[in-house]
Amino acid sequence: MGNHFDGLRLAAALAVFVSHGVFLYRLQLPVPFPGHSLGSLAVYVFFFISGYLVQQSWARKPQWRAFALKRCMRVFPGLLVAVAFSVFILGWAVTTLPTAAYWSAPGTWMNFFNNAAGLATVQTLPGVFESNPFARAVNGSLWTIRYELFMYALLALLAWSTRGRRWAYPAVALVLAVLWMAARQGQWDVRWEAIGGWGAEVFRWADFCAFGVPFFLGCTFAAYALRPRGWMAGGALLAALCAYHADAQALRQVAVWSLIACGVFYAAHVGAPERQGRGRIDISYGVYIYAFPVQQAMTQLCLRQGWPLAVCLGLSLLLVLVLAVASWFWVERPCLRYGKT
């Protein structure tokens, strides 16, 4: 059955691009729901779709090695090239340091290896973007990738240990929702950060659970082979109204998760063709991993030249789309084909 998942992921990636305006340009963007920006909702969309598609991938071939290869080929080739572009081309071109000093600085190589590994706990490069409104951050979007990797590992462990029993997916989504509420009320992350160390930089309970719920809801929809129904559109509308008007944070969060699950699944299938076209182009990942550094670079250029914000946004979007298309055709798609062999 055909679907619009690629289009929805591209829309989510562009929403993240727009949401960067809050940090990079100090824009006052509307907040769809209290505590939930456009960017955070877009990331939930990514995790729901990922859970739906990745569960199907495991079900088709429930083997650790094959699953790990497919997931690595989806994430790391594009990420590696994007990080190399940020460090070896963009960073070197805009740094205020002399070339020799930039290449000899430990921070240059620490940024490359840390981000290429999917950790994204090192956000700066020596002498790069130091005068921008959102100073020094090179690629502030990559931090969610480590949680995506966490979900892959948890899905494989869950499916293997329960021998593919379908009830495990909604059960984990429910457990993660309860843990999210407990972590918020018990301030688990505050205590975790007080301990300090590397672990506090890599993992936060609130983020892990908040992303995990839509991911495993997506797994649930796939495992039970749900079909799009009209009640899902109605449920998404009711959830949106609840999320907008609810005063209780827990109720609002549950409503947002419900909105993402029902709304995205219904939108992905309504009006979709029975069969997917062969000429698939999925540039959403490329948009996501290139948007932040390109926007930062264009901000520095436009501030220096005195160009208006509209020019900055237009140039950024154009370059991001070009890089995303190149990433899909020359990096991501060939590696995805290799992962299936």
Protein backbone atom coordinates (compact mmCIF):
# COMPACT_ATOMS: atom_id res chain seq x y z
CA MET A 1 0.00 0.00 0.00
CA GLY A 2 1.33 3.43 -0.89
CA ASN A 3 1.79 6.22 1.62
CA HIS A 4 2.93 9.80 2.06
CA PHE A 5 5.54 9.13 4.73
CA ASP A 6 8.41 10.63 2.70
CA GLY A 7 6.41 13.80 2.12
CA LEU A 8 5.48 14.07 5.79
CA ARG A 9 9.10 13.61 6.83
CA LEU A 10 10.16 16.35 4.43
CA ALA A 11 7.48 18.63 5.86
CA ALA A 12 8.75 17.84 9.36
CA ALA A 13 12.35 18.56 8.33
CA LEU A 14 11.31 21.92 6.85
CA ALA A 15 9.39 22.66 10.05
CA VAL A 16 12.61 22.11 11.98
CA PHE A 17 14.35 24.46 9.52
CA VAL A 18 11.76 27.14 10.27
CA SER A 19 11.86 26.51 14.03
CA HIS A 20 15.60 27.27 14.06
CA GLY A 21 14.56 30.89 13.62
CA VAL A 22 13.84 31.11 17.35
CA PHE A 23 17.51 30.45 18.15
CA LEU A 24 19.40 31.63 15.10
CA TYR A 25 17.49 34.82 14.28
CA ARG A 26 15.72 35.58 17.59
CA LEU A 27 12.33 35.35 15.89
CA GLN A 28 9.11 35.11 17.86
CA LEU A 29 7.38 32.14 16.26
CA PRO A 30 3.93 30.94 17.32
CA VAL A 31 3.84 27.96 19.67
CA PRO A 32 1.21 25.38 18.58
CA PHE A 33 0.69 24.07 22.11
CA PRO A 34 2.08 25.25 25.46
CA GLY A 35 5.49 23.68 25.94
CA HIS A 36 5.55 22.27 22.40
CA SER A 37 7.24 24.24 19.64
CA LEU A 38 6.87 23.58 15.95
CA GLY A 39 10.29 21.94 15.98
CA SER A 40 9.51 19.57 18.86
CA LEU A 41 6.28 18.44 17.19
CA ALA A 42 8.21 17.82 13.96
CA VAL A 43 10.70 15.61 15.81
CA TYR A 44 7.80 13.60 17.24
CA VAL A 45 6.62 13.08 13.66
CA PHE A 46 10.04 11.71 12.76
CA PHE A 47 10.01 9.26 15.66
CA PHE A 48 6.49 7.99 14.97
CA ILE A 49 7.22 7.36 11.30
CA SER A 50 10.56 5.79 12.17
CA GLY A 51 8.92 3.39 14.62
CA TYR A 52 6.32 2.40 12.05
CA LEU A 53 8.82 1.70 9.28
CA VAL A 54 11.60 0.18 11.39
CA GLN A 55 9.27 -2.32 13.04
CA GLN A 56 8.28 -3.52 9.58
CA SER A 57 11.95 -3.81 8.69
CA TRP A 58 12.60 -6.04 11.70
CA ALA A 59 9.49 -8.12 10.98
CA ARG A 60 10.64 -8.79 7.42
CA LYS A 61 14.01 -10.08 8.59
CA PRO A 62 14.25 -10.51 12.38
CA GLN A 63 18.01 -10.91 12.55
CA TRP A 64 20.31 -8.72 14.61
CA ARG A 65 23.09 -8.46 12.04
CA ALA A 66 20.81 -7.61 9.11
CA PHE A 67 18.83 -5.14 11.21
CA ALA A 68 21.96 -3.40 12.52
CA LEU A 69 23.40 -3.13 9.00
CA LYS A 70 20.21 -1.57 7.63
CA ARG A 71 19.96 0.93 10.47
CA CYS A 72 23.63 1.88 10.27
CA MET A 73 23.40 2.36 6.51
CA ARG A 74 20.41 4.64 7.02
CA VAL A 75 21.97 6.85 9.67
CA PHE A 76 25.74 6.95 9.50
CA PRO A 77 26.80 7.49 5.86
CA GLY A 78 24.75 10.67 5.46
CA LEU A 79 25.69 11.79 8.97
CA LEU A 80 29.40 11.20 8.38
CA VAL A 81 29.41 13.24 5.18
CA ALA A 82 27.38 16.05 6.77
CA VAL A 83 29.72 16.24 9.76
CA ALA A 84 32.76 16.18 7.47
CA PHE A 85 31.20 19.02 5.47
CA SER A 86 30.61 21.03 8.66
CA VAL A 87 34.11 20.49 10.03
CA PHE A 88 36.40 20.22 7.00
CA ILE A 89 34.71 22.65 4.61
CA LEU A 90 32.33 24.98 6.39
CA GLY A 91 34.21 25.28 9.66
CA TRP A 92 37.56 25.75 7.95
CA ALA A 93 36.08 28.39 5.61
CA VAL A 94 34.56 30.57 8.33
CA THR A 95 36.84 30.08 11.33
CA THR A 96 38.61 33.17 12.66
CA LEU A 97 41.67 31.08 13.49
CA PRO A 98 44.63 30.62 11.16
CA THR A 99 44.38 27.43 9.14
CA ALA A 100 47.17 25.66 11.00
CA ALA A 101 45.66 26.56 14.36
CA TYR A 102 42.23 25.32 13.30
CA TRP A 103 43.52 21.92 12.17
CA SER A 104 45.76 21.49 15.19
CA ALA A 105 43.08 22.41 17.72
CA PRO A 106 41.78 19.36 19.66
CA GLY A 107 38.25 20.77 19.48
CA THR A 108 38.20 20.40 15.70
CA TRP A 109 38.77 16.67 15.80
CA MET A 110 36.71 16.16 18.91
CA ASN A 111 33.74 17.71 17.13
CA PHE A 112 34.19 15.51 14.09
CA PHE A 113 34.50 12.17 15.87
CA ASN A 114 31.86 12.95 18.48
CA ASN A 115 29.22 13.98 15.95
CA ALA A 116 30.14 11.33 13.38
CA ALA A 117 29.54 8.72 16.09
CA GLY A 118 26.02 10.06 16.58
CA LEU A 119 26.61 11.44 20.08
CA ALA A 120 26.46 15.17 19.26
CA THR A 121 27.53 16.30 22.72
CA VAL A 122 30.25 18.56 21.26
CA GLN A 123 28.53 21.43 19.49
CA THR A 124 31.36 23.90 18.84
CA LEU A 125 34.34 24.32 16.53
CA PRO A 126 37.32 26.58 17.28
CA GLY A 127 36.70 30.14 16.07
CA VAL A 128 33.45 29.23 14.26
CA PHE A 129 30.24 31.30 14.48
CA GLU A 130 31.47 33.12 17.55
CA SER A 131 29.72 36.39 16.60
CA ASN A 132 26.40 34.93 15.47
CA PRO A 133 23.22 35.64 17.47
CA PHE A 134 23.25 31.97 18.53
CA ALA A 135 26.97 31.89 19.06
CA ARG A 136 29.30 28.97 18.44
CA ALA A 137 26.79 26.12 17.91
CA VAL A 138 27.58 24.35 14.63
CA ASN A 139 24.85 21.73 14.27
CA GLY A 140 22.26 21.88 17.01
CA SER A 141 19.95 19.32 15.38
CA LEU A 142 22.14 16.23 15.60
CA TRP A 143 21.49 15.50 19.28
CA THR A 144 18.22 13.68 18.50
CA ILE A 145 20.07 11.07 16.44
CA ARG A 146 21.45 9.34 19.50
CA TYR A 147 17.90 8.82 20.77
CA GLU A 148 16.95 7.36 17.40
CA LEU A 149 19.79 4.88 17.85
CA PHE A 150 18.60 4.10 21.37
CA MET A 151 15.16 3.28 19.93
CA TYR A 152 16.60 0.96 17.30
CA ALA A 153 18.47 -1.00 19.97
CA LEU A 154 15.47 -1.14 22.29
CA LEU A 155 13.17 -2.27 19.48
CA ALA A 156 15.49 -5.09 18.44
CA LEU A 157 15.98 -6.21 22.05
CA LEU A 158 12.26 -6.09 22.72
CA ALA A 159 11.27 -7.94 19.55
CA TRP A 160 13.94 -10.59 20.09
CA SER A 161 13.22 -11.16 23.79
CA THR A 162 9.45 -11.36 23.33
CA ARG A 163 9.73 -13.36 20.08
CA GLY A 164 7.88 -10.69 18.17
CA ARG A 165 4.75 -10.64 20.32
CA ARG A 166 2.72 -7.62 19.30
CA TRP A 167 1.50 -6.64 22.74
CA ALA A 168 5.06 -5.69 23.73
CA TYR A 169 5.02 -2.51 21.62
CA PRO A 170 2.00 -0.79 23.18
CA ALA A 171 3.18 -2.02 26.58
CA VAL A 172 6.53 -0.26 26.15
CA ALA A 173 4.82 2.91 24.90
CA LEU A 174 2.67 2.90 28.04
CA VAL A 175 5.66 2.28 30.32
CA LEU A 176 7.60 5.11 28.69
CA ALA A 177 4.64 7.47 29.10
CA VAL A 178 4.49 6.64 32.81
CA LEU A 179 8.26 7.04 33.13
CA TRP A 180 8.06 10.43 31.40
CA MET A 181 5.57 11.63 34.00
CA ALA A 182 7.65 10.20 36.85
CA ALA A 183 10.84 11.76 35.48
CA ARG A 184 9.20 15.19 35.24
CA GLN A 185 7.66 15.06 38.68
CA GLY A 186 10.69 13.49 40.33
CA GLN A 187 13.19 15.75 38.52
CA TRP A 188 15.24 12.75 37.49
CA ASP A 189 17.23 14.71 34.93
CA VAL A 190 18.09 17.44 37.42
CA ARG A 191 19.50 14.81 39.75
CA TRP A 192 21.22 13.06 36.84
CA GLU A 193 22.91 16.31 35.77
CA ALA A 194 23.99 16.97 39.36
CA ILE A 195 25.96 13.72 39.26
CA GLY A 196 27.67 15.00 36.13
CA GLY A 197 29.93 13.07 33.84
CA TRP A 198 29.64 11.83 30.29
CA GLY A 199 26.38 9.98 30.86
CA ALA A 200 24.52 13.14 31.82
CA GLU A 201 25.48 14.67 28.47
CA VAL A 202 24.33 11.71 26.40
CA PHE A 203 21.07 10.71 28.08
CA ARG A 204 18.08 12.53 29.51
CA TRP A 205 15.06 10.65 30.79
CA ALA A 206 12.54 13.24 29.66
CA ASP A 207 13.83 13.22 26.08
CA PHE A 208 14.22 9.45 25.91
CA CYS A 209 10.65 8.84 27.08
CA ALA A 210 9.11 11.71 25.12
CA PHE A 211 10.61 10.39 21.87
CA GLY A 212 10.09 6.76 22.80
CA VAL A 213 6.32 6.99 23.15
CA PRO A 214 5.63 8.06 19.52
CA PHE A 215 8.31 5.66 18.29
CA PHE A 216 6.66 2.65 19.93
CA LEU A 217 3.21 3.87 19.00
CA GLY A 218 4.47 3.71 15.43
CA CYS A 219 5.73 0.18 16.12
CA THR A 220 2.29 -0.69 17.48
CA PHE A 221 0.48 0.57 14.38
CA ALA A 222 2.83 -1.49 12.21
CA ALA A 223 2.73 -4.65 14.32
CA TYR A 224 -1.06 -4.73 14.34
CA ALA A 225 -1.20 -3.76 10.65
CA LEU A 226 -3.69 -1.00 11.36
CA ARG A 227 -5.50 0.55 8.43
CA PRO A 228 -6.38 4.24 8.15
CA ARG A 229 -9.87 4.92 9.44
CA GLY A 230 -11.96 8.04 9.64
CA TRP A 231 -12.02 7.93 13.43
CA MET A 232 -8.27 8.63 13.42
CA ALA A 233 -8.84 12.05 11.86
CA GLY A 234 -11.51 12.77 14.46
CA GLY A 235 -9.26 11.50 17.23
CA ALA A 236 -6.41 13.73 16.01
CA LEU A 237 -8.71 16.75 16.03
CA LEU A 238 -9.94 16.02 19.55
CA ALA A 239 -6.36 15.47 20.72
CA ALA A 240 -5.31 18.82 19.22
CA LEU A 241 -8.15 20.60 21.03
CA CYS A 242 -7.22 18.88 24.27
CA ALA A 243 -3.53 19.73 23.88
CA TYR A 244 -4.40 23.37 23.23
CA HIS A 245 -6.80 23.81 26.14
CA ALA A 246 -5.46 21.40 28.78
CA ASP A 247 -3.93 22.95 31.88
CA ALA A 248 -2.36 19.77 33.22
CA GLN A 249 1.04 19.11 31.67
CA ALA A 250 0.59 15.33 31.71
CA LEU A 251 -2.78 15.51 29.95
CA ARG A 252 -1.38 17.89 27.35
CA GLN A 253 1.57 15.59 26.66
CA VAL A 254 -0.67 12.54 26.21
CA ALA A 255 -2.87 14.57 23.86
CA VAL A 256 0.16 15.60 21.78
CA TRP A 257 1.33 11.99 21.50
CA SER A 258 -2.18 10.96 20.44
CA LEU A 259 -2.34 13.77 17.91
CA ILE A 260 0.96 12.73 16.35
CA ALA A 261 0.05 9.04 16.16
CA CYS A 262 -3.48 9.39 14.78
CA GLY A 263 -2.87 12.49 12.69
CA VAL A 264 0.36 11.39 11.03
CA PHE A 265 -0.87 7.86 10.30
CA TYR A 266 -4.11 9.08 8.77
CA ALA A 267 -2.41 11.82 6.76
CA ALA A 268 0.17 9.33 5.50
CA HIS A 269 -2.45 7.07 3.95
CA VAL A 270 -5.44 9.19 2.99
CA GLY A 271 -5.46 9.58 -0.77
CA ALA A 272 -2.27 7.55 -1.19
CA PRO A 273 -1.94 5.29 -4.27
CA GLU A 274 -2.25 1.55 -3.85
CA ARG A 275 1.38 1.11 -4.88
CA GLN A 276 4.39 3.27 -4.22
CA GLY A 277 6.07 4.83 -7.24
CA ARG A 278 9.52 3.58 -8.18
CA GLY A 279 11.24 6.94 -8.40
CA ARG A 280 11.42 7.51 -4.67
CA ILE A 281 13.27 10.60 -3.47
CA ASP A 282 13.58 11.10 0.30
CA ILE A 283 15.59 14.22 1.11
CA SER A 284 14.15 14.73 4.60
CA TYR A 285 17.21 13.38 6.41
CA GLY A 286 19.53 15.55 4.34
CA VAL A 287 17.45 18.64 5.10
CA TYR A 288 17.56 17.78 8.80
CA ILE A 289 21.31 17.23 9.09
CA TYR A 290 22.41 20.15 6.88
CA ALA A 291 19.93 22.85 7.89
CA PHE A 292 21.53 24.11 11.09
CA PRO A 293 25.15 24.57 9.91
CA VAL A 294 24.05 26.09 6.61
CA GLN A 295 21.73 28.51 8.39
CA GLN A 296 24.52 29.50 10.75
CA ALA A 297 26.92 30.07 7.86
CA MET A 298 24.39 32.14 5.92
CA THR A 299 23.64 34.16 9.05
CA GLN A 300 27.32 35.04 9.40
CA LEU A 301 27.55 35.98 5.72
CA CYS A 302 24.37 38.05 5.72
CA LEU A 303 25.31 39.90 8.90
CA ARG A 304 28.66 40.78 7.35
CA GLN A 305 27.06 41.96 4.11
CA GLY A 306 24.09 43.65 5.75
CA TRP A 307 21.58 41.52 3.84
CA PRO A 308 18.01 41.20 5.22
CA LEU A 309 16.61 38.14 6.94
CA ALA A 310 14.55 37.14 3.89
CA VAL A 311 17.73 36.82 1.84
CA CYS A 312 19.36 34.80 4.61
CA LEU A 313 16.43 32.39 4.76
CA GLY A 314 16.18 32.06 0.99
CA LEU A 315 19.87 31.36 0.50
CA SER A 316 19.87 28.91 3.41
CA LEU A 317 16.90 26.97 2.10
CA LEU A 318 18.29 26.80 -1.43
CA LEU A 319 21.66 25.50 -0.30
CA VAL A 320 20.12 23.04 2.15
CA LEU A 321 17.90 21.57 -0.56
CA VAL A 322 20.84 21.23 -2.95
CA LEU A 323 22.91 19.45 -0.29
CA ALA A 324 19.99 17.24 0.70
CA VAL A 325 19.39 16.13 -2.90
CA ALA A 326 23.09 15.40 -3.33
CA SER A 327 23.11 13.47 -0.06
CA TRP A 328 20.18 11.32 -1.17
CA PHE A 329 21.45 10.42 -4.63
CA TRP A 330 25.16 10.12 -3.90
CA VAL A 331 25.30 8.92 -0.30
CA GLU A 332 22.06 7.74 1.29
CA ARG A 333 20.38 5.82 -1.52
CA PRO A 334 23.49 3.84 -2.56
CA CYS A 335 24.15 2.91 1.07
CA LEU A 336 20.53 1.89 1.62
CA ARG A 337 20.80 -0.41 -1.39
CA TYR A 338 23.98 -1.90 0.03
CA GLY A 339 22.26 -2.48 3.36
CA LYS A 340 19.59 -4.61 1.64
CA THR A 341 22.07 -6.90 -0.06
